[in-house]
Amino acid sequence: GIAFGAAARCGLGLRAGDGIEGEAAIRAGHGIEAGSSIACRDHLEAQWGIRAGGDIRAAGAIRAGESLQAQHIEAGQGFGVYAGLAVREDNWAACAQVRSAHRPVRLFSGHWEP
């Protein structure tokens, strides 16, 4: 897996065969993909999509320009989950999917599918 001790900003994408953990914000210019879970102690953001084989959990907001996919998706207390920030709302069903076992609490944008 990959562990960041400080804020991480990747100009392109971020991919790990196992998990990704961050002690601060994680931001990627393209997508973020982990074979297991993604955990972040601040905001988690990707201009494209975010996909995890396990859970996606952040202490801050979770923001994706396109889709989100994980077993469970959870933003921090008082923060929201946003998918499709770079997609027209009428295209959310195709390009801003939020796939998880349960609808994320405070899902403010994107098209949820179990």
C-alpha atoms as a PDB file:
ATOM      1  CA  GLY A   1       0.000   0.000   0.000  1.00  0.00           C
ATOM      2  CA  ILE A   2       0.831   3.670   0.032  1.00  0.00           C
ATOM      3  CA  ALA A   3       0.960   5.854   3.158  1.00  0.00           C
ATOM      4  CA  PHE A   4       1.364   9.644   3.177  1.00  0.00           C
ATOM      5  CA  GLY A   5       2.530  11.426   6.323  1.00  0.00           C
ATOM      6  CA  ALA A   6       1.589  14.859   4.970  1.00  0.00           C
ATOM      7  CA  ALA A   7      -0.767  16.298   2.365  1.00  0.00           C
ATOM      8  CA  ALA A   8      -0.387  14.565  -1.007  1.00  0.00           C
ATOM      9  CA  ARG A   9      -0.990  16.161  -4.384  1.00  0.00           C
ATOM     10  CA  CYS A  10      -0.461  14.041  -7.489  1.00  0.00           C
ATOM     11  CA  GLY A  11      -0.448  15.794 -10.855  1.00  0.00           C
ATOM     12  CA  LEU A  12      -1.747  12.677 -12.558  1.00  0.00           C
ATOM     13  CA  GLY A  13      -3.338   9.568 -11.028  1.00  0.00           C
ATOM     14  CA  LEU A  14      -2.644   7.547  -7.905  1.00  0.00           C
ATOM     15  CA  ARG A  15      -2.857   3.743  -7.930  1.00  0.00           C
ATOM     16  CA  ALA A  16      -1.992   1.153  -5.280  1.00  0.00           C
ATOM     17  CA  GLY A  17      -2.347  -2.634  -5.390  1.00  0.00           C
ATOM     18  CA  ASP A  18      -3.293  -2.516  -1.698  1.00  0.00           C
ATOM     19  CA  GLY A  19      -4.597   0.390   0.407  1.00  0.00           C
ATOM     20  CA  ILE A  20      -3.949   4.122   0.458  1.00  0.00           C
ATOM     21  CA  GLU A  21      -3.702   6.062   3.734  1.00  0.00           C
ATOM     22  CA  GLY A  22      -3.131   9.757   4.275  1.00  0.00           C
ATOM     23  CA  GLU A  23      -2.474  11.756   7.429  1.00  0.00           C
ATOM     24  CA  ALA A  24      -3.748  14.867   5.588  1.00  0.00           C
ATOM     25  CA  ALA A  25      -5.536  15.681   2.306  1.00  0.00           C
ATOM     26  CA  ILE A  26      -5.058  13.509  -0.783  1.00  0.00           C
ATOM     27  CA  ARG A  27      -5.654  15.133  -4.184  1.00  0.00           C
ATOM     28  CA  ALA A  28      -5.098  13.698  -7.654  1.00  0.00           C
ATOM     29  CA  GLY A  29      -5.222  15.430 -11.032  1.00  0.00           C
ATOM     30  CA  HIS A  30      -6.626  12.253 -12.576  1.00  0.00           C
ATOM     31  CA  GLY A  31      -8.083   9.237 -10.703  1.00  0.00           C
ATOM     32  CA  ILE A  32      -7.392   7.386  -7.455  1.00  0.00           C
ATOM     33  CA  GLU A  33      -7.546   3.584  -7.309  1.00  0.00           C
ATOM     34  CA  ALA A  34      -6.742   1.181  -4.451  1.00  0.00           C
ATOM     35  CA  GLY A  35      -6.929  -2.608  -4.312  1.00  0.00           C
ATOM     36  CA  SER A  36      -8.276  -2.372  -0.758  1.00  0.00           C
ATOM     37  CA  SER A  37      -9.396   0.654   1.285  1.00  0.00           C
ATOM     38  CA  ILE A  38      -8.655   4.372   1.071  1.00  0.00           C
ATOM     39  CA  ALA A  39      -8.473   6.320   4.362  1.00  0.00           C
ATOM     40  CA  CYS A  40      -7.710  10.019   4.641  1.00  0.00           C
ATOM     41  CA  ARG A  41      -7.615  12.344   7.687  1.00  0.00           C
ATOM     42  CA  ASP A  42      -8.707  15.364   5.626  1.00  0.00           C
ATOM     43  CA  HIS A  43     -10.298  15.882   2.186  1.00  0.00           C
ATOM     44  CA  LEU A  44     -10.069  13.273  -0.573  1.00  0.00           C
ATOM     45  CA  GLU A  45     -10.295  14.615  -4.114  1.00  0.00           C
ATOM     46  CA  ALA A  46      -9.786  13.387  -7.694  1.00  0.00           C
ATOM     47  CA  GLN A  47     -10.514  15.219 -10.930  1.00  0.00           C
ATOM     48  CA  TRP A  48     -11.597  11.889 -12.464  1.00  0.00           C
ATOM     49  CA  GLY A  49     -12.955   8.997 -10.353  1.00  0.00           C
ATOM     50  CA  ILE A  50     -12.105   7.249  -7.075  1.00  0.00           C
ATOM     51  CA  ARG A  51     -12.302   3.451  -6.779  1.00  0.00           C
ATOM     52  CA  ALA A  52     -11.444   1.169  -3.861  1.00  0.00           C
ATOM     53  CA  GLY A  53     -11.710  -2.597  -3.435  1.00  0.00           C
ATOM     54  CA  GLY A  54     -12.631  -1.921   0.208  1.00  0.00           C
ATOM     55  CA  ASP A  55     -13.974   1.261   1.806  1.00  0.00           C
ATOM     56  CA  ILE A  56     -13.440   4.949   1.104  1.00  0.00           C
ATOM     57  CA  ARG A  57     -13.324   7.020   4.311  1.00  0.00           C
ATOM     58  CA  ALA A  58     -12.225  10.618   4.780  1.00  0.00           C
ATOM     59  CA  ALA A  59     -12.314  12.968   7.769  1.00  0.00           C
ATOM     60  CA  GLY A  60     -13.213  15.755   5.322  1.00  0.00           C
ATOM     61  CA  ALA A  61     -15.174  15.874   2.063  1.00  0.00           C
ATOM     62  CA  ILE A  62     -14.946  13.278  -0.693  1.00  0.00           C
ATOM     63  CA  ARG A  63     -14.981  14.895  -4.146  1.00  0.00           C
ATOM     64  CA  ALA A  64     -14.753  13.218  -7.557  1.00  0.00           C
ATOM     65  CA  GLY A  65     -15.041  14.797 -10.982  1.00  0.00           C
ATOM     66  CA  GLU A  66     -16.639  11.580 -12.208  1.00  0.00           C
ATOM     67  CA  SER A  67     -17.584   8.340 -10.360  1.00  0.00           C
ATOM     68  CA  LEU A  68     -17.021   6.797  -6.915  1.00  0.00           C
ATOM     69  CA  GLN A  69     -16.896   3.052  -6.228  1.00  0.00           C
ATOM     70  CA  ALA A  70     -16.262   1.191  -2.951  1.00  0.00           C
ATOM     71  CA  GLN A  71     -17.877  -1.182  -0.476  1.00  0.00           C
ATOM     72  CA  HIS A  72     -18.681   1.724   1.860  1.00  0.00           C
ATOM     73  CA  ILE A  73     -18.189   5.479   1.308  1.00  0.00           C
ATOM     74  CA  GLU A  74     -18.047   7.836   4.290  1.00  0.00           C
ATOM     75  CA  ALA A  75     -17.107  11.518   4.551  1.00  0.00           C
ATOM     76  CA  GLY A  76     -16.230  13.227   7.823  1.00  0.00           C
ATOM     77  CA  GLN A  77     -18.787  14.652  10.233  1.00  0.00           C
ATOM     78  CA  GLY A  78     -20.415  17.695   8.650  1.00  0.00           C
ATOM     79  CA  PHE A  79     -18.811  17.058   5.230  1.00  0.00           C
ATOM     80  CA  GLY A  80     -20.352  15.674   2.054  1.00  0.00           C
ATOM     81  CA  VAL A  81     -19.782  13.151  -0.701  1.00  0.00           C
ATOM     82  CA  TYR A  82     -19.703  14.629  -4.214  1.00  0.00           C
ATOM     83  CA  ALA A  83     -19.477  12.723  -7.509  1.00  0.00           C
ATOM     84  CA  GLY A  84     -19.841  14.127 -10.994  1.00  0.00           C
ATOM     85  CA  LEU A  85     -18.405  17.553 -10.254  1.00  0.00           C
ATOM     86  CA  ALA A  86     -17.057  17.652 -13.829  1.00  0.00           C
ATOM     87  CA  VAL A  87     -20.175  16.088 -15.393  1.00  0.00           C
ATOM     88  CA  ARG A  88     -23.475  17.647 -16.483  1.00  0.00           C
ATOM     89  CA  GLU A  89     -26.287  16.558 -14.165  1.00  0.00           C
ATOM     90  CA  ASP A  90     -28.249  14.942 -17.007  1.00  0.00           C
ATOM     91  CA  ASN A  91     -25.256  12.600 -17.557  1.00  0.00           C
ATOM     92  CA  TRP A  92     -24.837  11.510 -13.916  1.00  0.00           C
ATOM     93  CA  ALA A  93     -26.406   8.052 -14.444  1.00  0.00           C
ATOM     94  CA  ALA A  94     -23.702   7.213 -17.007  1.00  0.00           C
ATOM     95  CA  CYS A  95     -20.680   9.241 -15.873  1.00  0.00           C
ATOM     96  CA  ALA A  96     -21.131  10.137 -12.191  1.00  0.00           C
ATOM     97  CA  GLN A  97     -22.088   6.814 -10.645  1.00  0.00           C
ATOM     98  CA  VAL A  98     -21.743   6.244  -6.917  1.00  0.00           C
ATOM     99  CA  ARG A  99     -21.501   2.492  -6.353  1.00  0.00           C
ATOM    100  CA  SER A 100     -21.508   1.184  -2.797  1.00  0.00           C
ATOM    101  CA  ALA A 101     -23.454  -1.285  -0.680  1.00  0.00           C
ATOM    102  CA  HIS A 102     -25.427   1.543   0.958  1.00  0.00           C
ATOM    103  CA  ARG A 103     -26.175   5.087  -0.151  1.00  0.00           C
ATOM    104  CA  PRO A 104     -23.522   7.345   1.420  1.00  0.00           C
ATOM    105  CA  VAL A 105     -24.747   9.731   4.116  1.00  0.00           C
ATOM    106  CA  ARG A 106     -24.660  13.335   2.827  1.00  0.00           C
ATOM    107  CA  LEU A 107     -24.373  12.316  -0.832  1.00  0.00           C
ATOM    108  CA  PHE A 108     -24.897  15.721  -2.454  1.00  0.00           C
ATOM    109  CA  SER A 109     -24.171  14.906  -6.095  1.00  0.00           C
ATOM    110  CA  GLY A 110     -23.895  11.851  -8.316  1.00  0.00           C
ATOM    111  CA  HIS A 111     -26.145   8.902  -9.154  1.00  0.00           C
ATOM    112  CA  TRP A 112     -26.134   6.219  -6.416  1.00  0.00           C
ATOM    113  CA  GLU A 113     -26.383   2.548  -7.404  1.00  0.00           C
ATOM    114  CA  PRO A 114     -26.129  -0.414  -5.014  1.00  0.00           C
END
